[in-house]
Protein backbone atom coordinates (compact mmCIF):
# COMPACT_ATOMS: atom_id res chain seq x y z
CA MET A 1 -23.66 -44.90 38.59
CA ASN A 2 -23.85 -48.37 37.53
CA ASN A 3 -23.07 -51.56 35.42
CA LEU A 4 -25.18 -50.65 32.93
CA LEU A 5 -23.74 -47.53 32.14
CA LEU A 6 -20.32 -49.88 31.93
CA LYS A 7 -21.94 -51.78 29.48
CA SER A 8 -22.51 -48.75 27.44
CA TYR A 9 -19.09 -46.92 27.97
CA LEU A 10 -17.61 -50.20 26.13
CA ARG A 11 -19.37 -50.33 23.64
CA CYS A 12 -19.24 -46.24 23.31
CA LYS A 13 -18.21 -43.37 25.51
CA ARG A 14 -20.60 -40.77 23.46
CA LYS A 15 -23.39 -43.61 24.06
CA ALA A 16 -22.91 -43.94 27.97
CA TRP A 17 -22.99 -39.56 28.54
CA LEU A 18 -25.98 -39.54 26.29
CA ASP A 19 -27.49 -42.16 28.14
CA LEU A 20 -26.82 -40.63 31.44
CA TRP A 21 -27.28 -36.78 30.80
CA GLY A 22 -28.77 -37.02 27.05
CA GLU A 23 -32.07 -35.49 26.36
CA LYS A 24 -34.55 -38.75 26.37
CA SER A 25 -36.68 -37.18 23.34
CA LEU A 26 -33.73 -37.60 20.76
CA LYS A 27 -33.44 -41.81 21.74
CA THR A 28 -34.60 -43.35 19.35
CA TRP A 29 -36.28 -47.23 20.30
CA SER A 30 -34.18 -50.09 19.25
CA ALA A 31 -34.78 -53.22 18.34
CA GLN A 32 -31.68 -54.66 18.75
CA GLN A 33 -32.26 -53.75 22.81
CA SER A 34 -35.43 -55.54 22.35
CA ILE A 35 -33.99 -58.46 20.69
CA HIS A 36 -31.26 -58.93 24.00
CA LEU A 37 -33.33 -58.42 26.36
CA ILE A 38 -36.34 -60.89 24.78
CA THR A 39 -33.40 -63.42 24.00
CA GLU A 40 -31.36 -62.49 27.25
CA PHE A 41 -34.59 -63.76 29.86
CA ARG A 42 -36.01 -66.86 27.82
CA ASN A 43 -32.42 -68.52 28.07
CA PHE A 44 -32.32 -67.37 31.98
CA ASN A 45 -35.91 -68.79 31.97
CA LYS A 46 -34.45 -71.77 30.11
CA PHE A 47 -31.12 -72.49 32.13
CA THR A 48 -33.23 -72.46 35.73
CA ASP A 49 -35.67 -74.64 34.53
CA GLY A 50 -38.40 -71.82 34.62
CA ASN A 51 -37.34 -71.15 38.50
CA LEU A 52 -36.63 -67.63 38.64
CA PHE A 53 -38.07 -65.38 41.03
CA LYS A 54 -37.30 -61.09 41.48
CA GLY A 55 -35.07 -59.80 43.92
CA ARG A 56 -33.27 -59.12 47.82
CA LYS A 57 -36.15 -61.92 49.04
CA ALA A 58 -35.22 -64.85 46.29
CA CYS A 59 -32.17 -64.95 47.64
CA GLU A 60 -33.00 -65.38 51.29
CA LYS A 61 -35.96 -68.40 50.39
CA GLY A 62 -32.35 -69.89 48.22
CA PHE A 63 -34.60 -69.81 44.85
CA LYS A 64 -32.40 -71.29 42.16
CA GLY A 65 -32.32 -67.98 40.30
CA VAL A 66 -32.72 -64.62 40.95
CA ILE A 67 -33.38 -61.65 38.00
CA GLY A 68 -34.46 -57.80 39.78
CA LEU A 69 -31.48 -57.70 42.37
CA LYS A 70 -29.99 -54.27 43.16
CA ILE A 71 -27.46 -54.20 45.01
CA ARG A 72 -26.26 -50.24 46.56
CA ASP A 73 -22.69 -50.25 47.92
CA LYS A 74 -19.66 -47.62 47.27
CA LEU A 75 -15.78 -47.96 45.15
CA ASN A 76 -13.40 -46.69 46.50
CA ASN A 77 -15.23 -44.95 49.57
CA ASN A 78 -16.92 -42.78 47.70
CA LEU A 79 -18.34 -43.20 44.72
CA LYS A 80 -21.86 -44.53 44.51
CA ILE A 81 -23.10 -47.46 42.64
CA ASP A 82 -25.85 -49.67 41.94
CA LEU A 83 -25.23 -53.15 40.98
CA HIS A 84 -28.30 -54.88 38.42
CA PRO A 85 -26.77 -58.76 38.00
CA PRO A 86 -28.69 -59.74 35.48
CA LEU A 87 -29.10 -63.21 37.10
CA LEU A 88 -28.15 -64.96 40.14
CA ILE A 89 -26.86 -68.63 40.31
CA ARG A 90 -27.47 -70.29 43.09
CA THR A 91 -24.51 -73.05 43.99
CA ASN A 92 -23.40 -74.99 46.79
CA GLY A 93 -21.19 -72.93 49.48
CA ASP A 94 -21.68 -70.33 52.80
CA SER A 95 -23.46 -67.01 52.69
CA ILE A 96 -25.44 -64.81 55.04
CA TRP A 97 -28.33 -66.88 53.95
CA GLY A 98 -27.20 -69.96 54.75
CA LYS A 99 -25.15 -72.92 53.13
CA TYR A 100 -25.81 -71.50 49.50
CA LYS A 101 -23.73 -68.85 47.65
CA TYR A 102 -24.69 -67.15 44.12
CA LEU A 103 -23.21 -66.44 41.06
CA PRO A 104 -23.28 -63.90 38.80
CA ALA A 105 -24.61 -65.13 35.11
CA VAL A 106 -24.56 -62.83 31.65
CA SER A 107 -26.35 -64.18 28.76
CA LYS A 108 -24.83 -63.39 25.11
CA LEU A 109 -25.94 -63.06 21.23
CA GLY A 110 -24.15 -64.84 18.78
CA ARG A 111 -21.32 -67.24 20.08
CA ARG A 112 -18.09 -64.25 20.59
CA THR A 113 -17.51 -63.50 24.72
CA THR A 114 -17.28 -60.21 24.43
CA ARG A 115 -15.17 -57.48 27.08
CA GLU A 116 -18.47 -56.48 27.90
CA ASN A 117 -19.72 -59.59 29.00
CA GLN A 118 -16.25 -60.47 30.96
CA PHE A 119 -16.36 -57.09 33.23
CA ASP A 120 -20.00 -57.07 33.35
CA LEU A 121 -19.27 -60.21 35.51
CA ALA A 122 -16.38 -59.27 37.10
CA LEU A 123 -17.92 -56.09 38.86
CA CYS A 124 -21.09 -58.16 39.53
CA SER A 125 -19.12 -60.40 41.28
CA ILE A 126 -17.42 -57.56 43.14
CA PHE A 127 -19.80 -56.74 44.67
CA LEU A 128 -22.08 -59.86 45.07
CA GLU A 129 -19.04 -61.03 47.20
CA LYS A 130 -20.02 -58.38 49.88
CA PHE A 131 -23.24 -58.08 49.64
CA GLN A 132 -23.73 -62.15 50.70
CA LYS A 133 -20.48 -61.83 51.75
CA ALA A 134 -19.29 -65.22 50.72
CA LYS A 135 -16.57 -65.43 47.98
CA VAL A 136 -17.16 -65.08 43.73
CA GLU A 137 -14.54 -67.68 41.84
CA TYR A 138 -15.91 -66.69 38.16
CA GLY A 139 -19.28 -66.09 36.78
CA LEU A 140 -21.29 -67.72 33.66
CA ILE A 141 -22.27 -66.66 30.64
CA ILE A 142 -25.48 -68.23 28.82
CA SER A 143 -26.40 -68.60 25.38
CA LEU A 144 -28.70 -70.28 23.43
CA GLN A 145 -28.07 -72.32 20.32
CA ASN A 146 -29.55 -74.50 18.06
CA ASN A 147 -32.03 -74.83 20.56
CA LYS A 148 -29.05 -75.85 23.22
CA ILE A 149 -28.30 -74.09 26.01
CA PHE A 150 -25.00 -73.68 26.74
CA THR A 151 -22.49 -71.98 29.24
CA GLU A 152 -18.75 -70.55 29.94
CA LYS A 153 -17.32 -70.58 33.24
CA ILE A 154 -15.37 -66.66 33.62
CA PHE A 155 -13.17 -67.31 36.35
CA ILE A 156 -12.76 -63.58 38.24
CA ASN A 157 -9.13 -63.32 38.94
CA LYS A 158 -6.86 -60.60 39.79
CA LYS A 159 -6.37 -59.46 37.02
CA LEU A 160 -9.92 -58.84 35.31
CA ARG A 161 -11.21 -57.29 38.84
CA ASP A 162 -8.81 -54.48 38.27
CA LYS A 163 -9.52 -54.26 34.81
CA ALA A 164 -13.24 -53.83 35.75
CA ILE A 165 -12.76 -50.78 38.52
CA ASN A 166 -10.22 -49.42 36.52
CA LEU A 167 -13.06 -49.04 33.59
CA PHE A 168 -15.98 -47.69 35.93
CA ILE A 169 -13.55 -45.05 37.92
CA GLU A 170 -12.73 -44.42 33.98
CA LEU A 171 -16.13 -44.12 33.41
CA ASN A 172 -17.39 -42.08 36.39
CA GLU A 173 -14.36 -39.48 34.85
CA SER A 174 -15.16 -39.34 31.69
CA LEU A 175 -18.96 -38.88 32.77
CA LYS A 176 -18.17 -35.35 34.27
CA ASN A 177 -17.07 -33.79 30.90
CA LYS A 178 -18.50 -32.51 28.26
CA ILE A 179 -19.61 -35.29 25.73
CA PRO A 180 -16.98 -36.84 24.04
CA ASN A 181 -16.54 -37.15 20.49
CA ILE A 182 -18.47 -39.04 17.81
CA THR A 183 -16.74 -42.93 17.36
CA GLU A 184 -14.79 -42.93 14.75
CA ASN A 185 -15.94 -46.43 14.32
CA ARG A 186 -19.06 -45.77 12.70
CA LYS A 187 -19.77 -49.24 11.93
CA LYS A 188 -21.02 -49.85 15.68
CA CYS A 189 -23.50 -46.72 15.59
CA SER A 190 -25.84 -48.73 13.24
CA ILE A 191 -27.59 -50.48 15.84
CA CYS A 192 -27.34 -47.99 18.29
CA SER A 193 -30.53 -45.61 20.27
CA TRP A 194 -28.76 -42.10 19.97
CA LYS A 195 -27.60 -42.91 16.15
CA GLN A 196 -30.22 -40.28 15.01
CA PHE A 197 -28.79 -37.71 16.83
CA CYS A 198 -25.13 -38.52 16.12
CA ASP A 199 -25.95 -38.62 12.30
CA LYS A 200 -26.73 -35.14 12.46
CA GLU A 201 -23.59 -33.40 14.05
CA ALA A 202 -21.46 -36.08 11.91
CA GLU A 203 -23.40 -34.84 8.64
CA SER A 204 -22.49 -31.35 10.22
CA ASN A 205 -18.55 -31.84 10.27
CA GLY A 206 -18.24 -34.36 7.25
CA LEU A 207 -16.18 -36.82 9.09
CA LEU A 208 -13.98 -38.72 7.23
CA THR A 209 -15.58 -42.70 8.43
CA ASP A 210 -19.04 -41.03 6.71
CA ILE A 211 -17.38 -42.22 3.89
CA ASP A 212 -17.29 -45.95 2.20
CA GLY A 213 -14.68 -47.64 2.69
CA ILE A 214 -12.80 -45.35 5.27
CA GLY A 215 -12.30 -46.68 8.86
CA THR A 216 -10.69 -46.26 12.09
CA LYS A 217 -7.36 -47.12 10.45
CA THR A 218 -7.12 -44.97 7.40
CA ALA A 219 -8.96 -42.19 8.93
CA GLN A 220 -6.06 -41.77 11.31
CA SER A 221 -4.02 -42.05 8.30
CA LEU A 222 -5.68 -39.16 6.52
CA LYS A 223 -5.53 -37.04 10.03
CA ASN A 224 -1.35 -37.62 9.98
CA ILE A 225 -0.98 -35.76 6.55
CA GLY A 226 -3.56 -32.90 7.66
CA ILE A 227 -7.15 -34.06 6.16
CA TYR A 228 -9.09 -33.75 8.53
CA ASN A 229 -12.86 -34.02 7.06
CA ILE A 230 -14.58 -35.28 3.92
CA LYS A 231 -14.47 -31.43 2.07
CA GLN A 232 -11.01 -31.66 1.99
CA LEU A 233 -10.54 -35.05 0.81
CA ALA A 234 -12.41 -35.01 -1.69
CA THR A 235 -10.20 -31.46 -2.93
CA CYS A 236 -6.84 -33.45 -2.90
CA ASP A 237 -4.85 -34.45 -5.64
CA LYS A 238 -4.85 -38.40 -5.82
CA SER A 239 -1.05 -38.58 -6.91
CA LYS A 240 -0.16 -36.29 -3.76
CA LEU A 241 -2.65 -38.20 -1.68
CA LYS A 242 -1.03 -41.59 -2.66
CA ASN A 243 2.63 -40.27 -1.99
CA LYS A 244 1.84 -38.78 1.10
CA LEU A 245 0.10 -41.68 2.49
CA SER A 246 2.27 -44.36 1.69
CA ILE A 247 4.26 -44.30 5.00
CA PHE A 248 1.14 -45.34 6.36
CA ASP A 249 0.46 -48.30 4.31
CA GLU A 250 -1.87 -46.83 2.28
CA ASN A 251 -0.41 -46.85 -1.15
CA ASN A 252 -3.46 -48.56 -3.18
CA PHE A 253 -3.92 -46.21 -5.78
CA LYS A 254 -7.31 -47.44 -7.16
CA LYS A 255 -8.34 -47.79 -2.82
CA ILE A 256 -7.06 -43.60 -2.75
CA ASN A 257 -8.69 -42.42 -6.07
CA LYS A 258 -12.32 -44.18 -5.58
CA LEU A 259 -12.26 -42.86 -1.74
CA ILE A 260 -11.44 -39.38 -3.25
CA ASN A 261 -14.10 -40.28 -5.82
CA GLN A 262 -16.78 -40.95 -2.66
CA SER A 263 -16.13 -37.84 -0.87
CA LYS A 264 -17.03 -35.93 -4.09
CA SER A 265 -19.97 -37.83 -5.06
CA TYR A 266 -21.14 -37.89 -1.49
CA LEU A 267 -21.01 -33.73 -1.31
CA SER A 268 -22.36 -33.24 -5.16
CA GLY A 269 -25.28 -35.49 -4.25
CA LEU A 270 -24.38 -36.72 -7.61
CA PRO A 271 -23.30 -40.63 -8.82
CA ILE A 272 -20.61 -41.14 -10.89
CA HIS A 273 -20.66 -43.70 -13.80
CA LEU A 274 -18.02 -46.27 -13.80
CA LYS A 275 -16.73 -47.73 -16.85
CA SER A 276 -14.93 -50.72 -16.14
CA GLN A 277 -19.36 -52.14 -15.87
CA LYS A 278 -20.41 -55.70 -17.12
CA ASP A 279 -21.89 -54.53 -20.71
CA SER A 280 -25.55 -52.99 -18.90
CA LEU A 281 -27.76 -54.42 -22.33
CA ASP A 282 -26.25 -57.68 -22.03
CA LEU A 283 -27.68 -57.05 -18.65
CA PHE A 284 -30.58 -56.05 -19.63
CA LYS A 285 -31.13 -58.73 -22.58
CA LYS A 286 -30.69 -61.50 -20.35
CA LEU A 287 -33.28 -60.07 -17.32
CA ASN A 288 -35.72 -59.04 -20.34
CA LYS A 289 -36.38 -63.28 -20.70
CA GLY A 290 -37.94 -63.18 -16.81
CA PHE A 291 -35.77 -63.44 -14.11
CA TYR A 292 -37.22 -64.07 -10.41
CA VAL A 293 -35.74 -61.84 -6.82
CA PHE A 294 -34.82 -63.68 -3.94
CA ASP A 295 -34.54 -62.52 -0.53
CA ILE A 296 -34.20 -64.36 2.73
CA GLU A 297 -34.94 -63.95 6.68
CA SER A 298 -33.40 -65.87 9.42
CA ASN A 299 -32.36 -65.94 12.76
CA PRO A 300 -28.26 -66.04 12.40
CA ASP A 301 -28.10 -67.11 16.30
CA GLU A 302 -30.17 -70.40 15.73
CA ASN A 303 -29.01 -70.91 12.02
CA HIS A 304 -32.83 -70.42 10.88
CA ASP A 305 -33.85 -69.89 7.81
CA PHE A 306 -38.03 -68.47 8.30
CA LEU A 307 -38.83 -67.02 5.23
CA TYR A 308 -37.70 -67.24 1.77
CA GLY A 309 -39.45 -64.88 -0.78
CA LEU A 310 -39.00 -65.26 -4.34
CA LEU A 311 -40.88 -62.09 -6.31
CA SER A 312 -41.32 -63.61 -10.28
CA ILE A 313 -40.53 -60.75 -12.70
CA ASP A 314 -42.39 -61.52 -16.43
CA ASN A 315 -41.47 -58.27 -18.24
CA LEU A 316 -39.78 -55.35 -16.43
CA SER A 317 -41.37 -53.28 -17.65
CA ASP A 318 -44.70 -54.77 -15.77
CA GLN A 319 -46.51 -52.40 -13.00
CA PRO A 320 -45.73 -53.86 -8.87
CA LYS A 321 -49.01 -54.88 -8.80
CA ASP A 322 -48.28 -57.67 -11.86
CA PHE A 323 -45.65 -59.39 -10.23
CA ASN A 324 -46.48 -62.88 -8.62
CA TYR A 325 -44.67 -62.44 -4.76
CA LYS A 326 -45.04 -65.97 -3.22
CA PRO A 327 -43.57 -66.25 0.93
CA ILE A 328 -41.89 -69.73 1.19
CA LEU A 329 -41.93 -70.01 5.06
CA ASN A 330 -40.12 -72.63 7.11
CA LEU A 331 -41.41 -72.16 10.62
CA ILE A 332 -40.00 -74.79 12.55
CA ASN A 333 -35.76 -75.34 12.59
CA LYS A 334 -35.67 -78.85 12.02
CA ASN A 335 -34.72 -79.57 8.59
CA LYS A 336 -31.45 -76.90 7.60
CA TYR A 337 -32.90 -77.02 3.99
CA ASN A 338 -36.12 -76.47 2.12
CA LEU A 339 -37.36 -78.48 -0.87
CA GLU A 340 -39.99 -76.14 -2.02
CA ILE A 341 -38.00 -73.18 -2.30
CA PHE A 342 -35.94 -75.54 -5.41
CA LYS A 343 -38.99 -76.46 -6.85
CA GLU A 344 -40.18 -72.62 -6.95
CA LEU A 345 -36.65 -72.00 -8.50
CA ASN A 346 -36.34 -74.80 -10.98
CA TYR A 347 -39.51 -73.79 -12.41
CA ARG A 348 -38.23 -71.35 -14.39
CA SER A 349 -34.47 -72.43 -14.55
CA ASP A 350 -33.65 -70.67 -17.29
CA TRP A 351 -34.20 -67.33 -15.00
CA PRO A 352 -31.63 -65.08 -13.57
CA ILE A 353 -32.05 -64.96 -9.97
CA LEU A 354 -31.28 -61.51 -8.32
CA HIS A 355 -30.41 -60.47 -4.87
CA PHE A 356 -28.65 -58.26 -3.13
CA GLY A 357 -25.96 -59.24 -1.15
CA GLU A 358 -23.92 -62.91 -0.30
CA THR A 359 -26.10 -64.46 1.78
CA GLU A 360 -29.07 -66.19 -0.82
CA LYS A 361 -26.68 -67.54 -3.00
CA ILE A 362 -24.07 -69.22 -0.06
CA THR A 363 -27.25 -70.23 1.75
CA MET A 364 -28.81 -72.27 -1.96
CA ILE A 365 -25.79 -73.29 -2.61
CA LYS A 366 -24.70 -74.53 0.57
CA MET A 367 -28.25 -76.34 0.62
CA ALA A 368 -27.79 -77.69 -2.80
CA LYS A 369 -25.37 -79.35 -1.77
CA MET A 370 -26.55 -80.94 1.86
CA ILE A 371 -29.75 -82.61 -0.65
CA ASN A 372 -26.68 -84.42 -2.97
CA LEU A 373 -27.19 -82.55 -6.08
CA ASN A 374 -24.32 -83.64 -8.74
CA LYS A 375 -21.56 -81.01 -9.68
CA PHE A 376 -23.30 -80.26 -13.25
CA GLU A 377 -26.48 -79.16 -10.85
CA ILE A 378 -25.00 -77.36 -8.56
CA ASP A 379 -22.77 -75.20 -11.24
CA SER A 380 -26.14 -74.45 -12.99
CA LEU A 381 -27.96 -73.04 -9.85
CA GLU A 382 -25.12 -71.18 -9.11
CA SER A 383 -24.73 -69.50 -12.60
CA ARG A 384 -27.86 -67.53 -11.94
CA PHE A 385 -27.31 -65.53 -9.31
CA ILE A 386 -26.73 -62.17 -9.79
CA ASP A 387 -25.64 -60.03 -6.75
CA LEU A 388 -26.99 -56.58 -7.74
CA HIS A 389 -25.30 -54.93 -4.32
CA LEU A 390 -21.44 -56.39 -6.06
CA LEU A 391 -22.79 -54.89 -9.67
CA MET A 392 -23.76 -51.73 -8.25
CA ARG A 393 -20.45 -51.23 -6.16
CA ASN A 394 -18.38 -51.88 -9.39
CA SER A 395 -21.12 -49.43 -11.28
CA TRP A 396 -21.39 -46.55 -9.95
CA ILE A 397 -19.67 -44.17 -6.82
CA LEU A 398 -23.53 -43.19 -5.64
CA PRO A 399 -23.26 -40.13 -2.74
CA LEU A 400 -24.50 -42.05 0.13
CA LYS A 401 -22.76 -43.11 3.72
CA ASN A 402 -23.15 -47.27 2.51
CA TYR A 403 -24.31 -48.98 0.37
CA SER A 404 -26.25 -51.14 1.85
CA LEU A 405 -30.38 -52.15 0.49
CA LYS A 406 -32.28 -49.66 2.60
CA THR A 407 -29.87 -46.94 1.86
CA VAL A 408 -29.46 -47.46 -1.96
CA ALA A 409 -33.17 -48.30 -2.25
CA ASN A 410 -33.87 -44.90 -0.68
CA TRP A 411 -31.84 -42.96 -2.67
CA VAL A 412 -33.29 -44.73 -5.83
CA GLY A 413 -37.09 -43.02 -4.54
CA PHE A 414 -38.64 -47.00 -2.69
CA ASP A 415 -40.27 -46.69 -0.02
CA TRP A 416 -40.80 -49.46 2.59
CA THR A 417 -44.21 -49.63 3.49
CA GLN A 418 -44.34 -49.95 7.21
CA LYS A 419 -41.75 -46.81 8.51
CA ASN A 420 -38.82 -47.31 10.68
CA ILE A 421 -37.84 -50.51 9.15
CA SER A 422 -35.36 -53.12 9.45
CA GLY A 423 -33.63 -56.06 9.39
CA SER A 424 -33.24 -55.84 13.32
CA LYS A 425 -36.59 -55.11 13.31
CA ALA A 426 -38.15 -58.38 11.40
CA LEU A 427 -35.87 -60.51 13.58
CA TYR A 428 -37.51 -58.15 17.26
CA TRP A 429 -41.33 -59.67 14.76
CA TRP A 430 -39.59 -63.28 14.33
CA ILE A 431 -38.73 -63.65 17.80
CA GLN A 432 -41.94 -62.03 19.08
CA TYR A 433 -43.69 -65.07 16.88
CA SER A 434 -41.72 -67.22 18.28
CA ASN A 435 -43.12 -66.50 21.55
CA THR A 436 -46.58 -65.81 20.61
CA ASN A 437 -47.78 -67.70 17.05
CA GLU A 438 -49.19 -64.38 16.76
CA ASN A 439 -50.21 -64.20 12.96
CA ALA A 440 -49.88 -60.43 12.90
CA PHE A 441 -46.32 -60.87 13.08
CA LEU A 442 -46.12 -63.45 10.54
CA LYS A 443 -47.79 -60.92 8.48
CA LYS A 444 -45.75 -57.98 9.44
CA ILE A 445 -42.32 -59.82 8.71
CA ILE A 446 -43.68 -61.18 4.97
CA ASN A 447 -44.74 -57.56 3.84
CA TYR A 448 -41.07 -56.21 5.04
CA ASN A 449 -39.90 -59.35 3.05
CA LYS A 450 -41.77 -58.00 -0.12
CA ASP A 451 -40.85 -54.76 0.04
CA ASP A 452 -37.55 -55.65 -0.02
CA CYS A 453 -37.66 -57.79 -2.93
CA LEU A 454 -39.29 -54.94 -4.51
CA ALA A 455 -36.22 -52.60 -3.24
CA THR A 456 -34.00 -54.75 -5.06
CA LEU A 457 -35.75 -54.63 -8.58
CA GLU A 458 -36.48 -50.37 -7.68
CA ILE A 459 -32.57 -50.77 -7.75
CA ILE A 460 -32.17 -52.43 -10.74
CA LYS A 461 -34.39 -50.19 -12.56
CA TRP A 462 -32.71 -47.63 -11.95
CA HIS A 463 -29.56 -48.93 -12.90
CA LEU A 464 -30.36 -50.15 -16.09
CA ASP A 465 -32.18 -46.79 -16.87
CA ASN A 466 -29.47 -44.82 -15.61
CA ALA A 467 -26.77 -47.17 -16.94
CA HIS A 468 -26.94 -46.75 -20.42
CA LYS A 469 -27.97 -43.04 -20.41
CA PHE A 470 -24.59 -42.39 -19.38
CA LEU A 471 -23.26 -45.03 -21.91
CA LYS A 472 -25.36 -42.93 -24.23
CA GLU A 473 -24.18 -38.82 -23.47
CA SER A 474 -20.33 -40.69 -22.53
């Protein structure tokens, strides 16, 4: 039993059980976990000015920062525990080592402080006090934002300590039982190393939350009226379901209708065409004059867009080898804008800009305002963007769990040249490049971005081809 399991437990009870008892061969590498470890060491190293040393001897010698310490103890005199404090910071006080003591510190990704951060500090504080025989009043949460270190004090009061102990006892009891059910909030699973293992079970059980648009609240409302799986939902009468759900404030008929159709599509494997889409013929004419496919790679924690990828499409019927892909790099995060990307987009100012998701449009409009483009220029730029993600959602119900670029593109038949790829993995490569300046990592990112552009292109081709077929049949 250790505090690492508690962190897993706070994310997902099932994850903690699998971390302890699961078949390790079924566990996959997590880019997000690797990013966290790299970021954690970087933050600790920067906070201590490189004064980091390992283990108990480092405490005895009074070094500023201590990592790699393991504290073995018991909780309530019978529950054995191994504590692995991420970092100890030397401060003034009296301890078994002399006129100093240590405070626990943890690192966080992003700006949000989580329960995981707080309870990790609390649990470490409880046993650090016994270990060094000195009171711990507070712990530190360390983060890096815009290349500056920020710290937040978390005071370790009795209430927080009691909660941490109770959670640890609860964790211990949970680990004695059989494997917990799959979490209802499946969005949490996207970066978990046990995702593939749980996905197979979720699919076989027909979990409601595997249907796009069904979250924890809606799933519970459906269960309250006797609908427990996708198959039951797909066979529901729309009007009757609406009436039953109205008592749970789930009375949006359009949403209910879409959820039933989404279930039917998911089970049949067939897409459903929505007649309310914009005229696909007009879209085809608009794109047939030529267009850009645009995709940005960024590090959100540092607000740094480090790559703008542009694919120029003169003719939709051309082969991929005929398309011109241009990666525009922005490796140093000094300026918040990049004039080269505007130069490229304005080279064909009459071309639409196709992108998947809202990031690209938001980023470019924000940048346009920063470089003081006038209202006419900004409105003209904004009118060129076509969000394919929104277009697909408004035009189709697809037999998929979600409508992400990877999910939709894989379904229409696109394969990334680099296997097991994801946005998290690309960010991991970027962090590796930032630390090593190895061009091999940069090359991987550029290839990934190019594939994202080609995947976006493959989706729009599928949409135009199949929308035409469905309209012709109807």
